[in-house]
Amino acid sequence: MTILIHDVDIKLLRVFYTIVQCGGFSLAQARLNVSQSSISTQMSKLETRLGFRLCERGHGIFRLTPEGEHVLKATERLLAALDDFSSELLESQKKPAGDLRIGLMDNMVSNPNSPLSNVLADVAEDAPDIHFNIHIGSVADLGERVLDSRLHLAISFSYRPIAGLSYTPLFTEEHQLYCGRAHPFFDRDDRTITIEELLEAKYAGWGNSAAIPDDDMPVAFTEVASSHNMEGLVYLVQSGHFVAFLPSHYAKRWVEKGEMRAVRPDILSHSVQFYLMLRDNDCHPLVVRCFLDYLANYISQQELSRAVG
């Protein structure tokens, strides 16, 4: 079956996208400035147009169907392409304007090595017509979104490079293994904690989205719990049952309160490289080139030039 997309369909897809972003019909009312019954009517129209149900809803339940998940990704790509088209039209004015879609890992903000806040400040000051759209996601999610153009760029660590993306080193982040106050390691002298005991500890990791590089790691941990974001790992560590690698700058607040501590930093502390991820050999729009120009003030110009061609 061929589905021809018209202007009205794009409007309905925008409504669908907003509903998903808000987490349900009732929560989308304020954003869309229409009644819940109107939202329901528009969703029904879209589902009739497409020929399948996009979500399960009712009695406080909102859940995408498999078809809805597929349409959501396609909608994100469509809206991103429309934003890029608008930006290209504005480029004729030689003035960067329009959406700049940036992907970031969670809890980077406290990393003293990250120049991102300064770069955003510079861009906002000199290019006020750029609209920042920042998405927080996992390593795998960010790579996928850059690859299919839902994001212009992303900043993240990556142990498994994705074909079709370029990776430019930006800054590093120190990671250490942490345990919570109730964990048996907490009150132990680090010098008495053996490799064998570390191997037996319940380890919480990043799941399938990333892996700890084991080239220089004396312990090959086996995951028994996982989370794709750092806050989830903190909850697991604070339970007292698990150990997990966390950025030192992020864990600092709980360390200072005596709620967790680093375990065997003498052998387990390691540096993680963060990268700028871009589509390989892509012709970047003006808003992206503007961002990269300001980013170059904080990192190696040679590395950045190599990445963007």
C-alpha atoms as a PDB file:
ATOM      1  CA  MET A   1       0.000   0.000   0.000  1.00  0.00           C
ATOM      2  CA  THR A   2       1.346   3.426  -0.978  1.00  0.00           C
ATOM      3  CA  ILE A   3       0.776   6.298   1.461  1.00  0.00           C
ATOM      4  CA  LEU A   4       1.112   9.776  -0.012  1.00  0.00           C
ATOM      5  CA  ILE A   5       1.966  12.369   2.628  1.00  0.00           C
ATOM      6  CA  HIS A   6       0.094  15.680   2.410  1.00  0.00           C
ATOM      7  CA  ASP A   7       0.284  18.874   4.488  1.00  0.00           C
ATOM      8  CA  VAL A   8      -2.533  17.691   6.747  1.00  0.00           C
ATOM      9  CA  ASP A   9      -0.627  14.472   7.460  1.00  0.00           C
ATOM     10  CA  ILE A  10       2.452  16.428   8.528  1.00  0.00           C
ATOM     11  CA  LYS A  11       0.294  18.443  10.929  1.00  0.00           C
ATOM     12  CA  LEU A  12      -1.145  15.233  12.365  1.00  0.00           C
ATOM     13  CA  LEU A  13       2.328  13.715  12.653  1.00  0.00           C
ATOM     14  CA  ARG A  14       3.459  16.804  14.581  1.00  0.00           C
ATOM     15  CA  VAL A  15       0.544  16.258  16.966  1.00  0.00           C
ATOM     16  CA  PHE A  16       1.540  12.600  17.350  1.00  0.00           C
ATOM     17  CA  TYR A  17       5.165  13.565  18.006  1.00  0.00           C
ATOM     18  CA  THR A  18       4.129  16.113  20.646  1.00  0.00           C
ATOM     19  CA  ILE A  19       1.904  13.562  22.389  1.00  0.00           C
ATOM     20  CA  VAL A  20       4.823  11.130  22.616  1.00  0.00           C
ATOM     21  CA  GLN A  21       7.169  13.855  23.862  1.00  0.00           C
ATOM     22  CA  CYS A  22       4.676  14.789  26.584  1.00  0.00           C
ATOM     23  CA  GLY A  23       3.939  11.198  27.540  1.00  0.00           C
ATOM     24  CA  GLY A  24       0.215  11.114  26.812  1.00  0.00           C
ATOM     25  CA  PHE A  25      -2.887  12.930  25.609  1.00  0.00           C
ATOM     26  CA  SER A  26      -3.724  14.841  28.790  1.00  0.00           C
ATOM     27  CA  LEU A  27      -0.152  16.051  29.250  1.00  0.00           C
ATOM     28  CA  ALA A  28      -0.042  17.243  25.626  1.00  0.00           C
ATOM     29  CA  GLN A  29      -3.071  19.530  26.025  1.00  0.00           C
ATOM     30  CA  ALA A  30      -1.128  22.518  27.313  1.00  0.00           C
ATOM     31  CA  ARG A  31       1.644  22.132  24.730  1.00  0.00           C
ATOM     32  CA  LEU A  32      -0.817  21.880  21.817  1.00  0.00           C
ATOM     33  CA  ASN A  33      -3.309  24.335  23.341  1.00  0.00           C
ATOM     34  CA  VAL A  34      -6.297  22.188  22.328  1.00  0.00           C
ATOM     35  CA  SER A  35      -8.752  19.980  24.212  1.00  0.00           C
ATOM     36  CA  GLN A  36      -8.092  16.321  24.901  1.00  0.00           C
ATOM     37  CA  SER A  37     -11.061  15.360  22.723  1.00  0.00           C
ATOM     38  CA  SER A  38      -9.558  17.333  19.826  1.00  0.00           C
ATOM     39  CA  ILE A  39      -6.228  15.548  20.302  1.00  0.00           C
ATOM     40  CA  SER A  40      -8.016  12.195  20.331  1.00  0.00           C
ATOM     41  CA  THR A  41      -9.870  13.082  17.125  1.00  0.00           C
ATOM     42  CA  GLN A  42      -6.634  14.078  15.373  1.00  0.00           C
ATOM     43  CA  MET A  43      -4.910  10.874  16.452  1.00  0.00           C
ATOM     44  CA  SER A  44      -7.825   8.804  15.162  1.00  0.00           C
ATOM     45  CA  LYS A  45      -7.604  10.634  11.825  1.00  0.00           C
ATOM     46  CA  LEU A  46      -3.891   9.851  11.582  1.00  0.00           C
ATOM     47  CA  GLU A  47      -4.416   6.186  12.437  1.00  0.00           C
ATOM     48  CA  THR A  48      -7.189   5.924   9.845  1.00  0.00           C
ATOM     49  CA  ARG A  49      -4.932   7.592   7.298  1.00  0.00           C
ATOM     50  CA  LEU A  50      -2.070   5.183   8.018  1.00  0.00           C
ATOM     51  CA  GLY A  51      -4.246   2.117   8.405  1.00  0.00           C
ATOM     52  CA  PHE A  52      -2.997   0.931  11.797  1.00  0.00           C
ATOM     53  CA  ARG A  53      -3.071   1.811  15.491  1.00  0.00           C
ATOM     54  CA  LEU A  54      -0.203   3.925  16.784  1.00  0.00           C
ATOM     55  CA  CYS A  55      -0.728   3.646  20.515  1.00  0.00           C
ATOM     56  CA  GLU A  56      -2.732   2.059  23.280  1.00  0.00           C
ATOM     57  CA  ARG A  57      -4.489   4.681  25.383  1.00  0.00           C
ATOM     58  CA  GLY A  58      -7.175   5.062  27.980  1.00  0.00           C
ATOM     59  CA  HIS A  59      -7.551   5.065  31.774  1.00  0.00           C
ATOM     60  CA  GLY A  60      -4.155   6.697  32.291  1.00  0.00           C
ATOM     61  CA  ILE A  61      -2.365   4.341  29.895  1.00  0.00           C
ATOM     62  CA  PHE A  62      -0.291   5.556  26.964  1.00  0.00           C
ATOM     63  CA  ARG A  63       1.931   3.059  25.187  1.00  0.00           C
ATOM     64  CA  LEU A  64       3.190   2.983  21.608  1.00  0.00           C
ATOM     65  CA  THR A  65       2.463  -0.064  19.488  1.00  0.00           C
ATOM     66  CA  PRO A  66       5.352  -1.561  17.452  1.00  0.00           C
ATOM     67  CA  GLU A  67       3.925   0.290  14.446  1.00  0.00           C
ATOM     68  CA  GLY A  68       3.807   3.452  16.536  1.00  0.00           C
ATOM     69  CA  GLU A  69       7.489   3.071  17.452  1.00  0.00           C
ATOM     70  CA  HIS A  70       8.332   2.764  13.758  1.00  0.00           C
ATOM     71  CA  VAL A  71       6.224   5.809  12.824  1.00  0.00           C
ATOM     72  CA  LEU A  72       7.803   7.817  15.654  1.00  0.00           C
ATOM     73  CA  LYS A  73      11.310   7.257  14.262  1.00  0.00           C
ATOM     74  CA  ALA A  74      10.119   8.078  10.751  1.00  0.00           C
ATOM     75  CA  THR A  75       8.380  11.214  12.054  1.00  0.00           C
ATOM     76  CA  GLU A  76      11.541  12.350  13.822  1.00  0.00           C
ATOM     77  CA  ARG A  77      13.468  11.959  10.568  1.00  0.00           C
ATOM     78  CA  LEU A  78      10.769  13.802   8.599  1.00  0.00           C
ATOM     79  CA  LEU A  79      10.599  16.738  11.013  1.00  0.00           C
ATOM     80  CA  ALA A  80      14.396  16.914  11.121  1.00  0.00           C
ATOM     81  CA  ALA A  81      14.498  17.026   7.308  1.00  0.00           C
ATOM     82  CA  LEU A  82      11.900  19.821   7.264  1.00  0.00           C
ATOM     83  CA  ASP A  83      13.940  21.782   9.812  1.00  0.00           C
ATOM     84  CA  ASP A  84      17.067  21.291   7.714  1.00  0.00           C
ATOM     85  CA  PHE A  85      15.180  22.472   4.609  1.00  0.00           C
ATOM     86  CA  SER A  86      14.130  25.645   6.428  1.00  0.00           C
ATOM     87  CA  SER A  87      17.706  26.188   7.575  1.00  0.00           C
ATOM     88  CA  GLU A  88      18.977  25.790   4.001  1.00  0.00           C
ATOM     89  CA  LEU A  89      16.571  28.479   2.807  1.00  0.00           C
ATOM     90  CA  LEU A  90      17.833  30.790   5.539  1.00  0.00           C
ATOM     91  CA  GLU A  91      21.432  30.124   4.478  1.00  0.00           C
ATOM     92  CA  SER A  92      20.858  32.367   1.467  1.00  0.00           C
ATOM     93  CA  GLN A  93      20.955  35.221   3.975  1.00  0.00           C
ATOM     94  CA  LYS A  94      24.435  34.038   5.058  1.00  0.00           C
ATOM     95  CA  LYS A  95      23.137  34.042   8.592  1.00  0.00           C
ATOM     96  CA  PRO A  96      22.974  30.843  10.701  1.00  0.00           C
ATOM     97  CA  ALA A  97      19.378  30.269  11.762  1.00  0.00           C
ATOM     98  CA  GLY A  98      17.045  27.399  12.519  1.00  0.00           C
ATOM     99  CA  ASP A  99      17.274  24.198  14.534  1.00  0.00           C
ATOM    100  CA  LEU A 100      20.599  22.800  15.744  1.00  0.00           C
ATOM    101  CA  ARG A 101      19.936  19.280  17.018  1.00  0.00           C
ATOM    102  CA  ILE A 102      22.592  18.178  19.524  1.00  0.00           C
ATOM    103  CA  GLY A 103      22.767  14.833  21.313  1.00  0.00           C
ATOM    104  CA  LEU A 104      24.473  14.456  24.687  1.00  0.00           C
ATOM    105  CA  MET A 105      25.047  11.770  27.277  1.00  0.00           C
ATOM    106  CA  ASP A 106      23.399  12.391  30.617  1.00  0.00           C
ATOM    107  CA  ASN A 107      25.224  14.155  33.444  1.00  0.00           C
ATOM    108  CA  MET A 108      28.054  15.634  31.398  1.00  0.00           C
ATOM    109  CA  VAL A 109      27.359  19.084  32.796  1.00  0.00           C
ATOM    110  CA  SER A 110      29.588  18.713  35.874  1.00  0.00           C
ATOM    111  CA  ASN A 111      32.612  17.510  33.888  1.00  0.00           C
ATOM    112  CA  PRO A 112      35.217  20.293  34.256  1.00  0.00           C
ATOM    113  CA  ASN A 113      36.881  19.168  31.011  1.00  0.00           C
ATOM    114  CA  SER A 114      33.784  19.746  28.866  1.00  0.00           C
ATOM    115  CA  PRO A 115      33.755  23.022  26.901  1.00  0.00           C
ATOM    116  CA  LEU A 116      30.106  22.634  25.883  1.00  0.00           C
ATOM    117  CA  SER A 117      28.588  25.324  28.106  1.00  0.00           C
ATOM    118  CA  ASN A 118      31.131  27.847  26.822  1.00  0.00           C
ATOM    119  CA  VAL A 119      30.514  26.840  23.206  1.00  0.00           C
ATOM    120  CA  LEU A 120      26.743  27.193  23.611  1.00  0.00           C
ATOM    121  CA  ALA A 121      27.233  30.593  25.235  1.00  0.00           C
ATOM    122  CA  ASP A 122      29.392  31.783  22.334  1.00  0.00           C
ATOM    123  CA  VAL A 123      26.953  30.533  19.697  1.00  0.00           C
ATOM    124  CA  ALA A 124      23.919  31.976  21.503  1.00  0.00           C
ATOM    125  CA  GLU A 125      25.657  35.345  21.771  1.00  0.00           C
ATOM    126  CA  ASP A 126      26.753  35.637  18.148  1.00  0.00           C
ATOM    127  CA  ALA A 127      24.046  33.605  16.374  1.00  0.00           C
ATOM    128  CA  PRO A 128      20.820  34.316  18.289  1.00  0.00           C
ATOM    129  CA  ASP A 129      18.624  32.914  15.511  1.00  0.00           C
ATOM    130  CA  ILE A 130      19.886  29.377  16.099  1.00  0.00           C
ATOM    131  CA  HIS A 131      17.377  27.291  18.037  1.00  0.00           C
ATOM    132  CA  PHE A 132      19.106  24.699  20.219  1.00  0.00           C
ATOM    133  CA  ASN A 133      17.334  21.348  20.435  1.00  0.00           C
ATOM    134  CA  ILE A 134      19.215  19.120  22.879  1.00  0.00           C
ATOM    135  CA  HIS A 135      18.487  15.408  23.209  1.00  0.00           C
ATOM    136  CA  ILE A 136      19.857  13.338  26.100  1.00  0.00           C
ATOM    137  CA  GLY A 137      20.369   9.686  25.246  1.00  0.00           C
ATOM    138  CA  SER A 138      22.433   6.540  25.560  1.00  0.00           C
ATOM    139  CA  VAL A 139      25.556   5.873  23.495  1.00  0.00           C
ATOM    140  CA  ALA A 140      23.739   3.618  21.025  1.00  0.00           C
ATOM    141  CA  ASP A 141      20.743   5.943  20.775  1.00  0.00           C
ATOM    142  CA  LEU A 142      22.904   8.981  20.018  1.00  0.00           C
ATOM    143  CA  GLY A 143      24.870   7.187  17.310  1.00  0.00           C
ATOM    144  CA  GLU A 144      21.712   5.955  15.613  1.00  0.00           C
ATOM    145  CA  ARG A 145      20.158   9.425  15.688  1.00  0.00           C
ATOM    146  CA  VAL A 146      23.211  11.072  14.137  1.00  0.00           C
ATOM    147  CA  LEU A 147      23.419   8.371  11.487  1.00  0.00           C
ATOM    148  CA  ASP A 148      19.839   8.877  10.298  1.00  0.00           C
ATOM    149  CA  SER A 149      19.993  12.705  10.654  1.00  0.00           C
ATOM    150  CA  ARG A 150      17.585  13.046  13.556  1.00  0.00           C
ATOM    151  CA  LEU A 151      20.551  14.726  15.239  1.00  0.00           C
ATOM    152  CA  HIS A 152      23.119  16.955  13.557  1.00  0.00           C
ATOM    153  CA  LEU A 153      25.838  15.904  15.999  1.00  0.00           C
ATOM    154  CA  ALA A 154      26.391  14.238  19.338  1.00  0.00           C
ATOM    155  CA  ILE A 155      28.977  14.300  22.104  1.00  0.00           C
ATOM    156  CA  SER A 156      29.528  11.010  23.877  1.00  0.00           C
ATOM    157  CA  PHE A 157      32.036   8.325  24.685  1.00  0.00           C
ATOM    158  CA  SER A 158      32.036   5.328  22.373  1.00  0.00           C
ATOM    159  CA  TYR A 159      33.801   1.997  22.641  1.00  0.00           C
ATOM    160  CA  ARG A 160      32.098   0.589  19.550  1.00  0.00           C
ATOM    161  CA  PRO A 161      32.408   2.985  16.590  1.00  0.00           C
ATOM    162  CA  ILE A 162      29.472   2.972  14.178  1.00  0.00           C
ATOM    163  CA  ALA A 163      30.189   2.755  10.448  1.00  0.00           C
ATOM    164  CA  GLY A 164      29.186   5.964   8.711  1.00  0.00           C
ATOM    165  CA  LEU A 165      30.114   8.263  11.595  1.00  0.00           C
ATOM    166  CA  SER A 166      33.281  10.256  12.231  1.00  0.00           C
ATOM    167  CA  TYR A 167      34.684  10.540  15.757  1.00  0.00           C
ATOM    168  CA  THR A 168      36.754  13.513  16.867  1.00  0.00           C
ATOM    169  CA  PRO A 169      38.345  13.395  20.357  1.00  0.00           C
ATOM    170  CA  LEU A 170      37.109  16.299  22.493  1.00  0.00           C
ATOM    171  CA  PHE A 171      37.875  15.724  26.165  1.00  0.00           C
ATOM    172  CA  THR A 172      38.325  12.986  28.743  1.00  0.00           C
ATOM    173  CA  GLU A 173      36.486  11.921  31.858  1.00  0.00           C
ATOM    174  CA  GLU A 174      37.839   9.967  34.826  1.00  0.00           C
ATOM    175  CA  HIS A 175      35.787   6.905  35.790  1.00  0.00           C
ATOM    176  CA  GLN A 176      36.174   4.945  39.006  1.00  0.00           C
ATOM    177  CA  LEU A 177      34.451   1.904  40.484  1.00  0.00           C
ATOM    178  CA  TYR A 178      32.077   2.862  43.312  1.00  0.00           C
ATOM    179  CA  CYS A 179      30.263   1.045  46.082  1.00  0.00           C
ATOM    180  CA  GLY A 180      27.531   2.296  48.417  1.00  0.00           C
ATOM    181  CA  ARG A 181      27.683   2.744  52.180  1.00  0.00           C
ATOM    182  CA  ALA A 182      25.917  -0.576  52.818  1.00  0.00           C
ATOM    183  CA  HIS A 183      28.250  -2.571  50.569  1.00  0.00           C
ATOM    184  CA  PRO A 184      30.754  -4.946  52.242  1.00  0.00           C
ATOM    185  CA  PHE A 185      33.630  -3.106  50.521  1.00  0.00           C
ATOM    186  CA  PHE A 186      32.714   0.293  51.989  1.00  0.00           C
ATOM    187  CA  ASP A 187      34.448  -0.037  55.360  1.00  0.00           C
ATOM    188  CA  ARG A 188      37.251  -2.256  54.090  1.00  0.00           C
ATOM    189  CA  ASP A 189      40.832  -1.110  53.690  1.00  0.00           C
ATOM    190  CA  ASP A 190      41.315  -0.978  49.912  1.00  0.00           C
ATOM    191  CA  ARG A 191      44.622  -2.789  50.226  1.00  0.00           C
ATOM    192  CA  THR A 192      42.794  -5.861  51.509  1.00  0.00           C
ATOM    193  CA  ILE A 193      40.277  -6.076  48.619  1.00  0.00           C
ATOM    194  CA  THR A 194      41.604  -8.680  46.205  1.00  0.00           C
ATOM    195  CA  ILE A 195      41.081  -9.205  42.480  1.00  0.00           C
ATOM    196  CA  GLU A 196      39.180 -12.392  43.312  1.00  0.00           C
ATOM    197  CA  GLU A 197      36.764 -10.464  45.543  1.00  0.00           C
ATOM    198  CA  LEU A 198      36.240  -7.847  42.835  1.00  0.00           C
ATOM    199  CA  LEU A 199      35.399 -10.603  40.360  1.00  0.00           C
ATOM    200  CA  GLU A 200      32.773 -11.947  42.746  1.00  0.00           C
ATOM    201  CA  ALA A 201      31.178  -8.524  43.348  1.00  0.00           C
ATOM    202  CA  LYS A 202      27.804  -7.839  41.714  1.00  0.00           C
ATOM    203  CA  TYR A 203      28.628  -5.480  38.877  1.00  0.00           C
ATOM    204  CA  ALA A 204      26.161  -3.011  37.326  1.00  0.00           C
ATOM    205  CA  GLY A 205      27.109  -1.819  33.851  1.00  0.00           C
ATOM    206  CA  TRP A 206      25.872   0.044  30.803  1.00  0.00           C
ATOM    207  CA  GLY A 207      24.126  -2.923  29.189  1.00  0.00           C
ATOM    208  CA  ASN A 208      24.577  -3.388  25.458  1.00  0.00           C
ATOM    209  CA  SER A 209      25.157   0.297  24.715  1.00  0.00           C
ATOM    210  CA  ALA A 210      28.785   0.341  25.860  1.00  0.00           C
ATOM    211  CA  ALA A 211      31.470  -1.751  27.429  1.00  0.00           C
ATOM    212  CA  ILE A 212      34.427  -1.143  29.692  1.00  0.00           C
ATOM    213  CA  PRO A 213      37.588  -1.549  27.596  1.00  0.00           C
ATOM    214  CA  ASP A 214      39.518  -4.419  29.139  1.00  0.00           C
ATOM    215  CA  ASP A 215      42.919  -3.879  27.514  1.00  0.00           C
ATOM    216  CA  ASP A 216      44.351  -2.236  30.621  1.00  0.00           C
ATOM    217  CA  MET A 217      41.727  -3.388  33.114  1.00  0.00           C
ATOM    218  CA  PRO A 218      42.910  -6.011  35.617  1.00  0.00           C
ATOM    219  CA  VAL A 219      39.341  -7.182  36.292  1.00  0.00           C
ATOM    220  CA  ALA A 220      36.937  -8.529  33.633  1.00  0.00           C
ATOM    221  CA  PHE A 221      33.605  -7.681  35.228  1.00  0.00           C
ATOM    222  CA  THR A 222      30.443  -9.601  34.390  1.00  0.00           C
ATOM    223  CA  GLU A 223      27.214  -7.594  34.428  1.00  0.00           C
ATOM    224  CA  VAL A 224      24.410  -8.792  36.672  1.00  0.00           C
ATOM    225  CA  ALA A 225      22.484  -5.498  36.459  1.00  0.00           C
ATOM    226  CA  SER A 226      22.467  -2.648  33.962  1.00  0.00           C
ATOM    227  CA  SER A 227      21.239   0.839  33.182  1.00  0.00           C
ATOM    228  CA  HIS A 228      21.647   2.977  30.088  1.00  0.00           C
ATOM    229  CA  ASN A 229      22.005   6.136  32.161  1.00  0.00           C
ATOM    230  CA  MET A 230      24.129   7.109  35.132  1.00  0.00           C
ATOM    231  CA  GLU A 231      21.292   7.905  37.518  1.00  0.00           C
ATOM    232  CA  GLY A 232      20.134   4.306  37.236  1.00  0.00           C
ATOM    233  CA  LEU A 233      23.632   3.105  38.124  1.00  0.00           C
ATOM    234  CA  VAL A 234      23.689   5.403  41.163  1.00  0.00           C
ATOM    235  CA  TYR A 235      20.474   3.845  42.461  1.00  0.00           C
ATOM    236  CA  LEU A 236      22.022   0.399  42.082  1.00  0.00           C
ATOM    237  CA  VAL A 237      25.219   1.459  43.855  1.00  0.00           C
ATOM    238  CA  GLN A 238      23.287   3.106  46.690  1.00  0.00           C
ATOM    239  CA  SER A 239      21.334  -0.112  47.239  1.00  0.00           C
ATOM    240  CA  GLY A 240      24.515  -1.538  48.722  1.00  0.00           C
ATOM    241  CA  HIS A 241      24.349  -4.647  46.545  1.00  0.00           C
ATOM    242  CA  PHE A 242      26.229  -3.502  43.441  1.00  0.00           C
ATOM    243  CA  VAL A 243      29.422  -1.812  42.290  1.00  0.00           C
ATOM    244  CA  ALA A 244      29.530   0.310  39.134  1.00  0.00           C
ATOM    245  CA  PHE A 245      31.814   2.610  37.196  1.00  0.00           C
ATOM    246  CA  LEU A 246      30.798   6.270  37.432  1.00  0.00           C
ATOM    247  CA  PRO A 247      32.448   9.545  36.393  1.00  0.00           C
ATOM    248  CA  SER A 248      34.391  10.957  39.342  1.00  0.00           C
ATOM    249  CA  HIS A 249      32.884  14.424  38.890  1.00  0.00           C
ATOM    250  CA  TYR A 250      29.368  12.954  38.971  1.00  0.00           C
ATOM    251  CA  ALA A 251      29.943  10.696  41.989  1.00  0.00           C
ATOM    252  CA  LYS A 252      31.628  13.481  43.964  1.00  0.00           C
ATOM    253  CA  ARG A 253      28.397  14.730  45.590  1.00  0.00           C
ATOM    254  CA  TRP A 254      27.643  11.312  47.123  1.00  0.00           C
ATOM    255  CA  VAL A 255      31.258  10.690  48.073  1.00  0.00           C
ATOM    256  CA  GLU A 256      31.336  13.977  49.991  1.00  0.00           C
ATOM    257  CA  LYS A 257      28.178  12.959  51.868  1.00  0.00           C
ATOM    258  CA  GLY A 258      29.703   9.601  52.773  1.00  0.00           C
ATOM    259  CA  GLU A 259      27.134   7.656  50.744  1.00  0.00           C
ATOM    260  CA  MET A 260      29.576   5.969  48.371  1.00  0.00           C
ATOM    261  CA  ARG A 261      33.287   5.649  47.766  1.00  0.00           C
ATOM    262  CA  ALA A 262      35.729   4.602  45.057  1.00  0.00           C
ATOM    263  CA  VAL A 263      37.004   1.017  45.242  1.00  0.00           C
ATOM    264  CA  ARG A 264      40.631   0.225  44.395  1.00  0.00           C
ATOM    265  CA  PRO A 265      41.245   3.430  42.412  1.00  0.00           C
ATOM    266  CA  ASP A 266      44.892   2.424  42.268  1.00  0.00           C
ATOM    267  CA  ILE A 267      44.060  -0.246  39.669  1.00  0.00           C
ATOM    268  CA  LEU A 268      40.512   0.556  38.474  1.00  0.00           C
ATOM    269  CA  SER A 269      40.580   4.305  37.834  1.00  0.00           C
ATOM    270  CA  HIS A 270      40.659   4.958  34.084  1.00  0.00           C
ATOM    271  CA  SER A 271      40.135   7.762  31.607  1.00  0.00           C
ATOM    272  CA  VAL A 272      37.236   7.686  29.123  1.00  0.00           C
ATOM    273  CA  GLN A 273      37.500   9.598  25.851  1.00  0.00           C
ATOM    274  CA  PHE A 274      34.537  11.697  24.700  1.00  0.00           C
ATOM    275  CA  TYR A 275      34.044  12.338  20.996  1.00  0.00           C
ATOM    276  CA  LEU A 276      32.219  14.635  18.648  1.00  0.00           C
ATOM    277  CA  MET A 277      30.104  12.354  16.456  1.00  0.00           C
ATOM    278  CA  LEU A 278      29.142  13.543  12.960  1.00  0.00           C
ATOM    279  CA  ARG A 279      27.876  11.875   9.831  1.00  0.00           C
ATOM    280  CA  ASP A 280      30.915  10.853   7.802  1.00  0.00           C
ATOM    281  CA  ASN A 281      31.565  12.867   4.628  1.00  0.00           C
ATOM    282  CA  ASP A 282      28.389  14.879   5.187  1.00  0.00           C
ATOM    283  CA  CYS A 283      27.759  18.396   3.875  1.00  0.00           C
ATOM    284  CA  HIS A 284      26.935  20.109   7.141  1.00  0.00           C
ATOM    285  CA  PRO A 285      24.359  22.932   7.239  1.00  0.00           C
ATOM    286  CA  LEU A 286      25.372  26.422   8.288  1.00  0.00           C
ATOM    287  CA  VAL A 287      24.071  26.013  11.848  1.00  0.00           C
ATOM    288  CA  VAL A 288      26.381  23.022  12.336  1.00  0.00           C
ATOM    289  CA  ARG A 289      29.366  24.766  10.767  1.00  0.00           C
ATOM    290  CA  CYS A 290      28.763  27.725  13.072  1.00  0.00           C
ATOM    291  CA  PHE A 291      28.774  25.447  16.127  1.00  0.00           C
ATOM    292  CA  LEU A 292      31.943  23.699  14.936  1.00  0.00           C
ATOM    293  CA  ASP A 293      33.691  27.034  14.403  1.00  0.00           C
ATOM    294  CA  TYR A 294      33.130  27.974  18.042  1.00  0.00           C
ATOM    295  CA  LEU A 295      33.965  24.473  19.249  1.00  0.00           C
ATOM    296  CA  ALA A 296      37.316  24.793  17.473  1.00  0.00           C
ATOM    297  CA  ASN A 297      38.226  27.561  19.918  1.00  0.00           C
ATOM    298  CA  TYR A 298      38.349  24.971  22.681  1.00  0.00           C
ATOM    299  CA  ILE A 299      39.821  21.890  21.001  1.00  0.00           C
ATOM    300  CA  SER A 300      42.497  21.056  18.473  1.00  0.00           C
ATOM    301  CA  GLN A 301      41.717  22.854  15.213  1.00  0.00           C
ATOM    302  CA  GLN A 302      43.634  20.164  13.330  1.00  0.00           C
ATOM    303  CA  GLU A 303      41.494  17.345  14.749  1.00  0.00           C
ATOM    304  CA  LEU A 304      38.247  19.185  14.015  1.00  0.00           C
ATOM    305  CA  SER A 305      39.276  20.076  10.465  1.00  0.00           C
ATOM    306  CA  ARG A 306      40.073  16.430   9.806  1.00  0.00           C
ATOM    307  CA  ALA A 307      36.637  15.370  11.077  1.00  0.00           C
ATOM    308  CA  VAL A 308      34.554  17.800   9.024  1.00  0.00           C
ATOM    309  CA  GLY A 309      36.692  17.620   5.918  1.00  0.00           C
END
